[in-house]
């Protein structure tokens, strides 16, 4: 949807709403997420140096611009121009020298299986 702007909402609108309506320390924030949200948390922190005291990503997707699943999502949300995707891929941002905040990435090592 052309009106879907989750990045702007998470980085700008939601913090402003929270700071205006709750007794928090303005400008003192951290961000975290799981899976796609973990990757989103990394993107928010990497694209906004100094905005977050820390970022935690739990089992984040990795390098979505280079995998089939990520290409499908990026194509749907960012359009077909793959050269624009690197600005929203944490792996690419780090490779290009993005400022690194304090980051916790927890992937885990245990294999699990489910039976149907």
PDB file of N, CA and C in Angstrom:
ATOM      1  N   UNK A   1       0.843  -1.175   0.000  1.00  0.00           N
ATOM      2  CA  UNK A   1       0.000   0.000   0.000  1.00  0.00           C
ATOM      3  C   UNK A   1       0.889   1.238   0.000  1.00  0.00           C
ATOM      4  N   UNK A   2       0.581   2.181  -0.811  1.00  0.00           N
ATOM      5  CA  UNK A   2       1.431   3.368  -0.931  1.00  0.00           C
ATOM      6  C   UNK A   2       1.421   4.231   0.318  1.00  0.00           C
ATOM      7  N   UNK A   3       0.473   4.023   1.223  1.00  0.00           N
ATOM      8  CA  UNK A   3       0.394   4.812   2.453  1.00  0.00           C
ATOM      9  C   UNK A   3       0.990   4.092   3.665  1.00  0.00           C
ATOM     10  N   UNK A   4       1.573   2.950   3.450  1.00  0.00           N
ATOM     11  CA  UNK A   4       2.144   2.151   4.536  1.00  0.00           C
ATOM     12  C   UNK A   4       3.592   2.586   4.743  1.00  0.00           C
ATOM     13  N   UNK A   5       3.862   3.243   5.847  1.00  0.00           N
ATOM     14  CA  UNK A   5       5.197   3.772   6.116  1.00  0.00           C
ATOM     15  C   UNK A   5       5.643   3.377   7.523  1.00  0.00           C
ATOM     16  N   UNK A   6       5.885   2.099   7.749  1.00  0.00           N
ATOM     17  CA  UNK A   6       6.230   1.601   9.077  1.00  0.00           C
ATOM     18  C   UNK A   6       7.516   2.236   9.596  1.00  0.00           C
ATOM     19  N   UNK A   7       8.508   2.425   8.750  1.00  0.00           N
ATOM     20  CA  UNK A   7       9.769   3.026   9.191  1.00  0.00           C
ATOM     21  C   UNK A   7       9.508   4.409   9.797  1.00  0.00           C
ATOM     22  N   UNK A   8       8.796   5.263   9.096  1.00  0.00           N
ATOM     23  CA  UNK A   8       8.489   6.600   9.602  1.00  0.00           C
ATOM     24  C   UNK A   8       7.694   6.536  10.899  1.00  0.00           C
ATOM     25  N   UNK A   9       6.770   5.601  10.978  1.00  0.00           N
ATOM     26  CA  UNK A   9       5.965   5.464  12.184  1.00  0.00           C
ATOM     27  C   UNK A   9       6.830   5.097  13.386  1.00  0.00           C
ATOM     28  N   UNK A  10       7.712   4.099  13.221  1.00  0.00           N
ATOM     29  CA  UNK A  10       8.534   3.622  14.332  1.00  0.00           C
ATOM     30  C   UNK A  10       9.594   4.653  14.727  1.00  0.00           C
ATOM     31  N   UNK A  11      10.204   5.312  13.751  1.00  0.00           N
ATOM     32  CA  UNK A  11      11.306   6.235  14.030  1.00  0.00           C
ATOM     33  C   UNK A  11      10.818   7.612  14.479  1.00  0.00           C
ATOM     34  N   UNK A  12       9.720   8.098  13.920  1.00  0.00           N
ATOM     35  CA  UNK A  12       9.293   9.469  14.197  1.00  0.00           C
ATOM     36  C   UNK A  12       7.961   9.566  14.950  1.00  0.00           C
ATOM     37  N   UNK A  13       6.910   8.995  14.391  1.00  0.00           N
ATOM     38  CA  UNK A  13       5.570   9.207  14.942  1.00  0.00           C
ATOM     39  C   UNK A  13       5.367   8.562  16.314  1.00  0.00           C
ATOM     40  N   UNK A  14       5.715   7.303  16.466  1.00  0.00           N
ATOM     41  CA  UNK A  14       5.491   6.608  17.736  1.00  0.00           C
ATOM     42  C   UNK A  14       6.301   7.218  18.884  1.00  0.00           C
ATOM     43  N   UNK A  15       7.614   7.494  18.708  1.00  0.00           N
ATOM     44  CA  UNK A  15       8.345   8.125  19.810  1.00  0.00           C
ATOM     45  C   UNK A  15       7.757   9.487  20.210  1.00  0.00           C
ATOM     46  N   UNK A  16       7.345  10.282  19.241  1.00  0.00           N
ATOM     47  CA  UNK A  16       6.747  11.587  19.552  1.00  0.00           C
ATOM     48  C   UNK A  16       5.451  11.410  20.336  1.00  0.00           C
ATOM     49  N   UNK A  17       4.643  10.439  19.942  1.00  0.00           N
ATOM     50  CA  UNK A  17       3.389  10.159  20.643  1.00  0.00           C
ATOM     51  C   UNK A  17       3.648   9.715  22.085  1.00  0.00           C
ATOM     52  N   UNK A  18       4.607   8.836  22.272  1.00  0.00           N
ATOM     53  CA  UNK A  18       4.943   8.348  23.616  1.00  0.00           C
ATOM     54  C   UNK A  18       5.494   9.481  24.478  1.00  0.00           C
ATOM     55  N   UNK A  19       6.426  10.269  23.920  1.00  0.00           N
ATOM     56  CA  UNK A  19       7.021  11.356  24.691  1.00  0.00           C
ATOM     57  C   UNK A  19       6.005  12.431  25.050  1.00  0.00           C
ATOM     58  N   UNK A  20       4.987  12.636  24.225  1.00  0.00           N
ATOM     59  CA  UNK A  20       3.972  13.650  24.492  1.00  0.00           C
ATOM     60  C   UNK A  20       2.917  13.188  25.497  1.00  0.00           C
ATOM     61  N   UNK A  21       2.756  11.878  25.666  1.00  0.00           N
ATOM     62  CA  UNK A  21       1.650  11.377  26.479  1.00  0.00           C
ATOM     63  C   UNK A  21       2.025  10.531  27.690  1.00  0.00           C
ATOM     64  N   UNK A  22       3.297  10.239  27.869  1.00  0.00           N
ATOM     65  CA  UNK A  22       3.718   9.399  28.984  1.00  0.00           C
ATOM     66  C   UNK A  22       4.925  10.015  29.678  1.00  0.00           C
ATOM     67  N   UNK A  23       5.090   9.742  30.973  1.00  0.00           N
ATOM     68  CA  UNK A  23       6.223  10.314  31.715  1.00  0.00           C
ATOM     69  C   UNK A  23       7.523   9.552  31.441  1.00  0.00           C
ATOM     70  N   UNK A  24       8.114   9.810  30.291  1.00  0.00           N
ATOM     71  CA  UNK A  24       9.365   9.164  29.906  1.00  0.00           C
ATOM     72  C   UNK A  24      10.451  10.219  29.752  1.00  0.00           C
ATOM     73  N   UNK A  25      11.688   9.777  29.745  1.00  0.00           N
ATOM     74  CA  UNK A  25      12.804  10.681  29.486  1.00  0.00           C
ATOM     75  C   UNK A  25      12.926  10.861  27.977  1.00  0.00           C
ATOM     76  N   UNK A  26      12.539  12.031  27.485  1.00  0.00           N
ATOM     77  CA  UNK A  26      12.578  12.291  26.046  1.00  0.00           C
ATOM     78  C   UNK A  26      13.982  12.060  25.498  1.00  0.00           C
ATOM     79  N   UNK A  27      14.048  11.389  24.372  1.00  0.00           N
ATOM     80  CA  UNK A  27      15.319  11.138  23.716  1.00  0.00           C
ATOM     81  C   UNK A  27      16.110   9.977  24.279  1.00  0.00           C
ATOM     82  N   UNK A  28      15.648   9.357  25.346  1.00  0.00           N
ATOM     83  CA  UNK A  28      16.345   8.231  25.955  1.00  0.00           C
ATOM     84  C   UNK A  28      15.586   6.957  25.601  1.00  0.00           C
ATOM     85  N   UNK A  29      15.953   6.333  24.483  1.00  0.00           N
ATOM     86  CA  UNK A  29      15.184   5.182  24.025  1.00  0.00           C
ATOM     87  C   UNK A  29      16.083   4.078  23.469  1.00  0.00           C
ATOM     88  N   UNK A  30      15.515   2.890  23.457  1.00  0.00           N
ATOM     89  CA  UNK A  30      16.144   1.714  22.865  1.00  0.00           C
ATOM     90  C   UNK A  30      15.103   1.074  21.961  1.00  0.00           C
ATOM     91  N   UNK A  31      15.554   0.130  21.139  1.00  0.00           N
ATOM     92  CA  UNK A  31      14.635  -0.517  20.209  1.00  0.00           C
ATOM     93  C   UNK A  31      14.992  -1.997  20.123  1.00  0.00           C
ATOM     94  N   UNK A  32      13.959  -2.842  19.966  1.00  0.00           N
ATOM     95  CA  UNK A  32      14.208  -4.277  19.840  1.00  0.00           C
ATOM     96  C   UNK A  32      13.149  -4.884  18.933  1.00  0.00           C
ATOM     97  N   UNK A  33      13.421  -6.093  18.476  1.00  0.00           N
ATOM     98  CA  UNK A  33      12.453  -6.795  17.654  1.00  0.00           C
ATOM     99  C   UNK A  33      12.872  -8.225  17.419  1.00  0.00           C
ATOM    100  N   UNK A  34      11.938  -9.017  16.892  1.00  0.00           N
ATOM    101  CA  UNK A  34      12.165 -10.428  16.608  1.00  0.00           C
ATOM    102  C   UNK A  34      11.914 -10.693  15.128  1.00  0.00           C
ATOM    103  N   UNK A  35      12.754 -11.482  14.504  1.00  0.00           N
ATOM    104  CA  UNK A  35      12.618 -11.889  13.121  1.00  0.00           C
ATOM    105  C   UNK A  35      12.620 -10.656  12.206  1.00  0.00           C
ATOM    106  N   UNK A  36      11.556 -10.442  11.444  1.00  0.00           N
ATOM    107  CA  UNK A  36      11.494  -9.256  10.577  1.00  0.00           C
ATOM    108  C   UNK A  36      11.583  -7.984  11.421  1.00  0.00           C
ATOM    109  N   UNK A  37      10.971  -8.015  12.621  1.00  0.00           N
ATOM    110  CA  UNK A  37      11.049  -6.870  13.524  1.00  0.00           C
ATOM    111  C   UNK A  37      12.454  -6.648  14.051  1.00  0.00           C
ATOM    112  N   UNK A  38      13.218  -7.729  14.232  1.00  0.00           N
ATOM    113  CA  UNK A  38      14.614  -7.608  14.640  1.00  0.00           C
ATOM    114  C   UNK A  38      15.432  -6.915  13.575  1.00  0.00           C
ATOM    115  N   UNK A  39      15.180  -7.285  12.329  1.00  0.00           N
ATOM    116  CA  UNK A  39      15.870  -6.619  11.229  1.00  0.00           C
ATOM    117  C   UNK A  39      15.441  -5.156  11.166  1.00  0.00           C
ATOM    118  N   UNK A  40      14.154  -4.898  11.366  1.00  0.00           N
ATOM    119  CA  UNK A  40      13.665  -3.520  11.378  1.00  0.00           C
ATOM    120  C   UNK A  40      14.316  -2.696  12.476  1.00  0.00           C
ATOM    121  N   UNK A  41      14.492  -3.289  13.659  1.00  0.00           N
ATOM    122  CA  UNK A  41      15.153  -2.585  14.756  1.00  0.00           C
ATOM    123  C   UNK A  41      16.591  -2.231  14.374  1.00  0.00           C
ATOM    124  N   UNK A  42      17.291  -3.172  13.732  1.00  0.00           N
ATOM    125  CA  UNK A  42      18.650  -2.898  13.273  1.00  0.00           C
ATOM    126  C   UNK A  42      18.671  -1.745  12.275  1.00  0.00           C
ATOM    127  N   UNK A  43      17.739  -1.753  11.338  1.00  0.00           N
ATOM    128  CA  UNK A  43      17.664  -0.693  10.327  1.00  0.00           C
ATOM    129  C   UNK A  43      17.440   0.662  10.992  1.00  0.00           C
ATOM    130  N   UNK A  44      16.488   0.730  11.911  1.00  0.00           N
ATOM    131  CA  UNK A  44      16.194   1.996  12.598  1.00  0.00           C
ATOM    132  C   UNK A  44      17.434   2.532  13.308  1.00  0.00           C
ATOM    133  N   UNK A  45      18.161   1.652  14.000  1.00  0.00           N
ATOM    134  CA  UNK A  45      19.350   2.087  14.734  1.00  0.00           C
ATOM    135  C   UNK A  45      20.497   2.470  13.796  1.00  0.00           C
ATOM    136  N   UNK A  46      20.704   1.691  12.753  1.00  0.00           N
ATOM    137  CA  UNK A  46      21.813   1.964  11.834  1.00  0.00           C
ATOM    138  C   UNK A  46      21.578   3.232  11.012  1.00  0.00           C
ATOM    139  N   UNK A  47      20.338   3.519  10.672  1.00  0.00           N
ATOM    140  CA  UNK A  47      20.026   4.699   9.862  1.00  0.00           C
ATOM    141  C   UNK A  47      19.892   5.977  10.695  1.00  0.00           C
ATOM    142  N   UNK A  48      19.887   5.832  12.030  1.00  0.00           N
ATOM    143  CA  UNK A  48      19.719   6.983  12.915  1.00  0.00           C
ATOM    144  C   UNK A  48      20.755   6.951  14.033  1.00  0.00           C
ATOM    145  N   UNK A  49      22.026   7.188  13.702  1.00  0.00           N
ATOM    146  CA  UNK A  49      23.085   7.127  14.717  1.00  0.00           C
ATOM    147  C   UNK A  49      22.777   8.062  15.891  1.00  0.00           C
ATOM    148  N   UNK A  50      22.930   7.535  17.083  1.00  0.00           N
ATOM    149  CA  UNK A  50      22.721   8.328  18.282  1.00  0.00           C
ATOM    150  C   UNK A  50      21.284   8.417  18.759  1.00  0.00           C
ATOM    151  N   UNK A  51      20.336   7.912  17.977  1.00  0.00           N
ATOM    152  CA  UNK A  51      18.922   8.011  18.355  1.00  0.00           C
ATOM    153  C   UNK A  51      18.538   6.999  19.433  1.00  0.00           C
ATOM    154  N   UNK A  52      19.261   5.890  19.528  1.00  0.00           N
ATOM    155  CA  UNK A  52      18.916   4.818  20.460  1.00  0.00           C
ATOM    156  C   UNK A  52      20.116   4.501  21.339  1.00  0.00           C
ATOM    157  N   UNK A  53      19.847   4.233  22.613  1.00  0.00           N
ATOM    158  CA  UNK A  53      20.930   3.839  23.529  1.00  0.00           C
ATOM    159  C   UNK A  53      21.394   2.427  23.232  1.00  0.00           C
ATOM    160  N   UNK A  54      20.479   1.583  22.740  1.00  0.00           N
ATOM    161  CA  UNK A  54      20.843   0.212  22.377  1.00  0.00           C
ATOM    162  C   UNK A  54      19.817  -0.331  21.403  1.00  0.00           C
ATOM    163  N   UNK A  55      20.206  -1.407  20.736  1.00  0.00           N
ATOM    164  CA  UNK A  55      19.299  -2.126  19.843  1.00  0.00           C
ATOM    165  C   UNK A  55      19.484  -3.614  20.107  1.00  0.00           C
ATOM    166  N   UNK A  56      18.367  -4.333  20.212  1.00  0.00           N
ATOM    167  CA  UNK A  56      18.408  -5.786  20.403  1.00  0.00           C
ATOM    168  C   UNK A  56      17.616  -6.444  19.278  1.00  0.00           C
ATOM    169  N   UNK A  57      18.227  -7.410  18.635  1.00  0.00           N
ATOM    170  CA  UNK A  57      17.568  -8.131  17.548  1.00  0.00           C
ATOM    171  C   UNK A  57      17.591  -9.620  17.876  1.00  0.00           C
ATOM    172  N   UNK A  58      16.422 -10.201  17.974  1.00  0.00           N
ATOM    173  CA  UNK A  58      16.299 -11.619  18.313  1.00  0.00           C
ATOM    174  C   UNK A  58      15.922 -12.393  17.060  1.00  0.00           C
ATOM    175  N   UNK A  59      16.813 -13.278  16.645  1.00  0.00           N
ATOM    176  CA  UNK A  59      16.644 -14.059  15.414  1.00  0.00           C
ATOM    177  C   UNK A  59      16.241 -13.187  14.230  1.00  0.00           C
ATOM    178  N   UNK A  60      17.017 -12.115  13.957  1.00  0.00           N
ATOM    179  CA  UNK A  60      16.639 -11.240  12.844  1.00  0.00           C
ATOM    180  C   UNK A  60      16.862 -11.920  11.496  1.00  0.00           C
ATOM    181  N   UNK A  61      16.082 -11.541  10.523  1.00  0.00           N
ATOM    182  CA  UNK A  61      16.373 -12.011   9.179  1.00  0.00           C
ATOM    183  C   UNK A  61      17.696 -11.385   8.770  1.00  0.00           C
ATOM    184  N   UNK A  62      18.445 -12.041   7.919  1.00  0.00           N
ATOM    185  CA  UNK A  62      19.771 -11.567   7.540  1.00  0.00           C
ATOM    186  C   UNK A  62      19.866 -11.346   6.043  1.00  0.00           C
ATOM    187  N   UNK A  63      20.426 -10.223   5.680  1.00  0.00           N
ATOM    188  CA  UNK A  63      20.731  -9.878   4.291  1.00  0.00           C
ATOM    189  C   UNK A  63      19.548 -10.125   3.350  1.00  0.00           C
ATOM    190  N   UNK A  64      18.378  -9.537   3.639  1.00  0.00           N
ATOM    191  CA  UNK A  64      17.180  -9.809   2.846  1.00  0.00           C
ATOM    192  C   UNK A  64      17.297  -9.435   1.373  1.00  0.00           C
ATOM    193  N   UNK A  65      18.171  -8.493   1.040  1.00  0.00           N
ATOM    194  CA  UNK A  65      18.328  -8.110  -0.370  1.00  0.00           C
ATOM    195  C   UNK A  65      18.969  -9.220  -1.193  1.00  0.00           C
ATOM    196  N   UNK A  66      19.515 -10.234  -0.512  1.00  0.00           N
ATOM    197  CA  UNK A  66      20.208 -11.322  -1.214  1.00  0.00           C
ATOM    198  C   UNK A  66      19.532 -12.684  -1.085  1.00  0.00           C
ATOM    199  N   UNK A  67      18.324 -12.748  -0.518  1.00  0.00           N
ATOM    200  CA  UNK A  67      17.660 -14.046  -0.417  1.00  0.00           C
ATOM    201  C   UNK A  67      16.273 -13.966  -1.053  1.00  0.00           C
ATOM    202  N   UNK A  68      15.767 -15.097  -1.495  1.00  0.00           N
ATOM    203  CA  UNK A  68      14.486 -15.124  -2.195  1.00  0.00           C
ATOM    204  C   UNK A  68      13.344 -14.530  -1.393  1.00  0.00           C
ATOM    205  N   UNK A  69      13.238 -14.918  -0.130  1.00  0.00           N
ATOM    206  CA  UNK A  69      12.165 -14.414   0.715  1.00  0.00           C
ATOM    207  C   UNK A  69      12.276 -12.904   0.870  1.00  0.00           C
ATOM    208  N   UNK A  70      13.489 -12.421   1.148  1.00  0.00           N
ATOM    209  CA  UNK A  70      13.704 -10.985   1.313  1.00  0.00           C
ATOM    210  C   UNK A  70      13.441 -10.205   0.035  1.00  0.00           C
ATOM    211  N   UNK A  71      13.848 -10.772  -1.102  1.00  0.00           N
ATOM    212  CA  UNK A  71      13.596 -10.093  -2.379  1.00  0.00           C
ATOM    213  C   UNK A  71      12.107  -9.929  -2.624  1.00  0.00           C
ATOM    214  N   UNK A  72      11.316 -10.939  -2.262  1.00  0.00           N
ATOM    215  CA  UNK A  72       9.869 -10.830  -2.416  1.00  0.00           C
ATOM    216  C   UNK A  72       9.298  -9.720  -1.552  1.00  0.00           C
ATOM    217  N   UNK A  73       9.740  -9.667  -0.292  1.00  0.00           N
ATOM    218  CA  UNK A  73       9.261  -8.623   0.632  1.00  0.00           C
ATOM    219  C   UNK A  73       9.740  -7.246   0.192  1.00  0.00           C
ATOM    220  N   UNK A  74      11.029  -7.120  -0.129  1.00  0.00           N
ATOM    221  CA  UNK A  74      11.545  -5.822  -0.531  1.00  0.00           C
ATOM    222  C   UNK A  74      10.868  -5.344  -1.817  1.00  0.00           C
ATOM    223  N   UNK A  75      10.639  -6.264  -2.750  1.00  0.00           N
ATOM    224  CA  UNK A  75       9.955  -5.883  -3.985  1.00  0.00           C
ATOM    225  C   UNK A  75       8.561  -5.355  -3.700  1.00  0.00           C
ATOM    226  N   UNK A  76       7.844  -6.005  -2.783  1.00  0.00           N
ATOM    227  CA  UNK A  76       6.479  -5.585  -2.448  1.00  0.00           C
ATOM    228  C   UNK A  76       6.458  -4.243  -1.724  1.00  0.00           C
ATOM    229  N   UNK A  77       7.406  -4.007  -0.818  1.00  0.00           N
ATOM    230  CA  UNK A  77       7.403  -2.792  -0.002  1.00  0.00           C
ATOM    231  C   UNK A  77       8.211  -1.646  -0.590  1.00  0.00           C
ATOM    232  N   UNK A  78       9.311  -1.968  -1.291  1.00  0.00           N
ATOM    233  CA  UNK A  78      10.221  -0.923  -1.753  1.00  0.00           C
ATOM    234  C   UNK A  78      10.235  -0.744  -3.265  1.00  0.00           C
ATOM    235  N   UNK A  79       9.550  -1.615  -3.985  1.00  0.00           N
ATOM    236  CA  UNK A  79       9.535  -1.516  -5.443  1.00  0.00           C
ATOM    237  C   UNK A  79      10.564  -2.436  -6.078  1.00  0.00           C
ATOM    238  N   UNK A  80      10.556  -2.472  -7.388  1.00  0.00           N
ATOM    239  CA  UNK A  80      11.390  -3.412  -8.131  1.00  0.00           C
ATOM    240  C   UNK A  80      12.834  -2.975  -8.340  1.00  0.00           C
ATOM    241  N   UNK A  81      13.170  -1.746  -8.000  1.00  0.00           N
ATOM    242  CA  UNK A  81      14.528  -1.252  -8.208  1.00  0.00           C
ATOM    243  C   UNK A  81      15.445  -1.760  -7.099  1.00  0.00           C
ATOM    244  N   UNK A  82      16.142  -2.858  -7.355  1.00  0.00           N
ATOM    245  CA  UNK A  82      16.972  -3.499  -6.339  1.00  0.00           C
ATOM    246  C   UNK A  82      18.088  -2.602  -5.829  1.00  0.00           C
ATOM    247  N   UNK A  83      18.507  -1.607  -6.597  1.00  0.00           N
ATOM    248  CA  UNK A  83      19.568  -0.717  -6.126  1.00  0.00           C
ATOM    249  C   UNK A  83      19.101   0.141  -4.953  1.00  0.00           C
ATOM    250  N   UNK A  84      17.786   0.311  -4.763  1.00  0.00           N
ATOM    251  CA  UNK A  84      17.247   1.075  -3.631  1.00  0.00           C
ATOM    252  C   UNK A  84      17.166   0.237  -2.357  1.00  0.00           C
ATOM    253  N   UNK A  85      17.277  -1.072  -2.468  1.00  0.00           N
ATOM    254  CA  UNK A  85      17.070  -1.974  -1.343  1.00  0.00           C
ATOM    255  C   UNK A  85      18.189  -1.898  -0.302  1.00  0.00           C
ATOM    256  N   UNK A  86      19.407  -1.600  -0.713  1.00  0.00           N
ATOM    257  CA  UNK A  86      20.535  -1.638   0.222  1.00  0.00           C
ATOM    258  C   UNK A  86      20.360  -0.668   1.389  1.00  0.00           C
ATOM    259  N   UNK A  87      19.588   0.391   1.215  1.00  0.00           N
ATOM    260  CA  UNK A  87      19.341   1.354   2.297  1.00  0.00           C
ATOM    261  C   UNK A  87      18.462   0.765   3.390  1.00  0.00           C
ATOM    262  N   UNK A  88      17.852  -0.397   3.133  1.00  0.00           N
ATOM    263  CA  UNK A  88      16.980  -1.055   4.108  1.00  0.00           C
ATOM    264  C   UNK A  88      17.421  -2.485   4.401  1.00  0.00           C
ATOM    265  N   UNK A  89      18.684  -2.777   4.166  1.00  0.00           N
ATOM    266  CA  UNK A  89      19.259  -4.081   4.467  1.00  0.00           C
ATOM    267  C   UNK A  89      20.389  -3.855   5.468  1.00  0.00           C
ATOM    268  N   UNK A  90      20.240  -4.341   6.702  1.00  0.00           N
ATOM    269  CA  UNK A  90      21.225  -4.091   7.756  1.00  0.00           C
ATOM    270  C   UNK A  90      22.616  -4.563   7.349  1.00  0.00           C
ATOM    271  N   UNK A  91      22.704  -5.701   6.681  1.00  0.00           N
ATOM    272  CA  UNK A  91      24.002  -6.215   6.249  1.00  0.00           C
ATOM    273  C   UNK A  91      24.674  -5.228   5.310  1.00  0.00           C
ATOM    274  N   UNK A  92      23.921  -4.707   4.362  1.00  0.00           N
ATOM    275  CA  UNK A  92      24.472  -3.745   3.405  1.00  0.00           C
ATOM    276  C   UNK A  92      24.856  -2.432   4.086  1.00  0.00           C
ATOM    277  N   UNK A  93      24.045  -1.988   5.053  1.00  0.00           N
ATOM    278  CA  UNK A  93      24.368  -0.750   5.766  1.00  0.00           C
ATOM    279  C   UNK A  93      25.670  -0.888   6.552  1.00  0.00           C
ATOM    280  N   UNK A  94      25.860  -2.042   7.199  1.00  0.00           N
ATOM    281  CA  UNK A  94      27.090  -2.256   7.957  1.00  0.00           C
ATOM    282  C   UNK A  94      28.283  -2.325   7.009  1.00  0.00           C
ATOM    283  N   UNK A  95      28.126  -3.010   5.890  1.00  0.00           N
ATOM    284  CA  UNK A  95      29.207  -3.087   4.897  1.00  0.00           C
ATOM    285  C   UNK A  95      29.591  -1.708   4.370  1.00  0.00           C
ATOM    286  N   UNK A  96      28.612  -0.799   4.288  1.00  0.00           N
ATOM    287  CA  UNK A  96      28.892   0.532   3.747  1.00  0.00           C
ATOM    288  C   UNK A  96      29.434   1.485   4.810  1.00  0.00           C
ATOM    289  N   UNK A  97      29.619   0.991   6.048  1.00  0.00           N
ATOM    290  CA  UNK A  97      30.244   1.803   7.086  1.00  0.00           C
ATOM    291  C   UNK A  97      29.288   2.527   8.006  1.00  0.00           C
ATOM    292  N   UNK A  98      28.049   2.064   8.107  1.00  0.00           N
ATOM    293  CA  UNK A  98      27.082   2.706   9.004  1.00  0.00           C
ATOM    294  C   UNK A  98      27.620   2.704  10.434  1.00  0.00           C
ATOM    295  N   UNK A  99      27.308   3.766  11.178  1.00  0.00           N
ATOM    296  CA  UNK A  99      27.708   3.883  12.572  1.00  0.00           C
ATOM    297  C   UNK A  99      27.076   2.748  13.377  1.00  0.00           C
ATOM    298  N   UNK A 100      27.880   2.088  14.211  1.00  0.00           N
ATOM    299  CA  UNK A 100      27.414   0.929  14.964  1.00  0.00           C
ATOM    300  C   UNK A 100      27.062   1.313  16.402  1.00  0.00           C
ATOM    301  N   UNK A 101      25.778   1.234  16.759  1.00  0.00           N
ATOM    302  CA  UNK A 101      25.395   1.435  18.164  1.00  0.00           C
ATOM    303  C   UNK A 101      25.694   0.165  18.957  1.00  0.00           C
ATOM    304  N   UNK A 102      25.423   0.172  20.265  1.00  0.00           N
ATOM    305  CA  UNK A 102      25.529  -1.060  21.046  1.00  0.00           C
ATOM    306  C   UNK A 102      24.427  -1.996  20.564  1.00  0.00           C
ATOM    307  N   UNK A 103      24.816  -3.157  20.056  1.00  0.00           N
ATOM    308  CA  UNK A 103      23.863  -4.092  19.454  1.00  0.00           C
ATOM    309  C   UNK A 103      23.951  -5.447  20.150  1.00  0.00           C
ATOM    310  N   UNK A 104      22.788  -6.031  20.442  1.00  0.00           N
ATOM    311  CA  UNK A 104      22.702  -7.418  20.883  1.00  0.00           C
ATOM    312  C   UNK A 104      21.945  -8.170  19.798  1.00  0.00           C
ATOM    313  N   UNK A 105      22.588  -9.175  19.218  1.00  0.00           N
ATOM    314  CA  UNK A 105      21.913 -10.050  18.268  1.00  0.00           C
ATOM    315  C   UNK A 105      21.960 -11.454  18.857  1.00  0.00           C
ATOM    316  N   UNK A 106      20.804 -12.015  19.099  1.00  0.00           N
ATOM    317  CA  UNK A 106      20.703 -13.339  19.687  1.00  0.00           C
ATOM    318  C   UNK A 106      20.024 -14.250  18.686  1.00  0.00           C
ATOM    319  N   UNK A 107      20.768 -15.213  18.170  1.00  0.00           N
ATOM    320  CA  UNK A 107      20.244 -16.117  17.156  1.00  0.00           C
ATOM    321  C   UNK A 107      19.881 -17.470  17.742  1.00  0.00           C
ATOM    322  N   UNK A 108      20.636 -17.922  18.727  1.00  0.00           N
ATOM    323  CA  UNK A 108      20.386 -19.241  19.295  1.00  0.00           C
ATOM    324  C   UNK A 108      21.094 -20.326  18.504  1.00  0.00           C
ATOM    325  N   UNK A 109      21.266 -21.490  19.140  1.00  0.00           N
ATOM    326  CA  UNK A 109      21.970 -22.587  18.472  1.00  0.00           C
ATOM    327  C   UNK A 109      21.191 -23.890  18.495  1.00  0.00           C
ATOM    328  N   UNK A 110      20.089 -23.935  19.222  1.00  0.00           N
ATOM    329  CA  UNK A 110      19.340 -25.173  19.341  1.00  0.00           C
ATOM    330  C   UNK A 110      18.468 -25.413  18.109  1.00  0.00           C
ATOM    331  N   UNK A 111      18.495 -26.628  17.627  1.00  0.00           N
ATOM    332  CA  UNK A 111      17.625 -27.017  16.524  1.00  0.00           C
ATOM    333  C   UNK A 111      16.340 -27.553  17.089  1.00  0.00           C
ATOM    334  N   UNK A 112      15.244 -27.161  16.511  1.00  0.00           N
ATOM    335  CA  UNK A 112      13.955 -27.691  16.947  1.00  0.00           C
ATOM    336  C   UNK A 112      13.219 -28.213  15.727  1.00  0.00           C
ATOM    337  N   UNK A 113      12.286 -29.067  15.980  1.00  0.00           N
ATOM    338  CA  UNK A 113      11.466 -29.565  14.891  1.00  0.00           C
ATOM    339  C   UNK A 113      10.030 -29.660  15.373  1.00  0.00           C
ATOM    340  N   UNK A 114       9.114 -29.646  14.465  1.00  0.00           N
ATOM    341  CA  UNK A 114       7.717 -29.806  14.836  1.00  0.00           C
ATOM    342  C   UNK A 114       7.109 -30.925  14.001  1.00  0.00           C
ATOM    343  N   UNK A 115       6.158 -31.588  14.564  1.00  0.00           N
ATOM    344  CA  UNK A 115       5.480 -32.664  13.845  1.00  0.00           C
ATOM    345  C   UNK A 115       4.061 -32.233  13.548  1.00  0.00           C
ATOM    346  N   UNK A 116       3.595 -32.589  12.405  1.00  0.00           N
ATOM    347  CA  UNK A 116       2.234 -32.232  12.022  1.00  0.00           C
ATOM    348  C   UNK A 116       1.367 -33.456  12.020  1.00  0.00           C
TER     349      UNK A 116
END
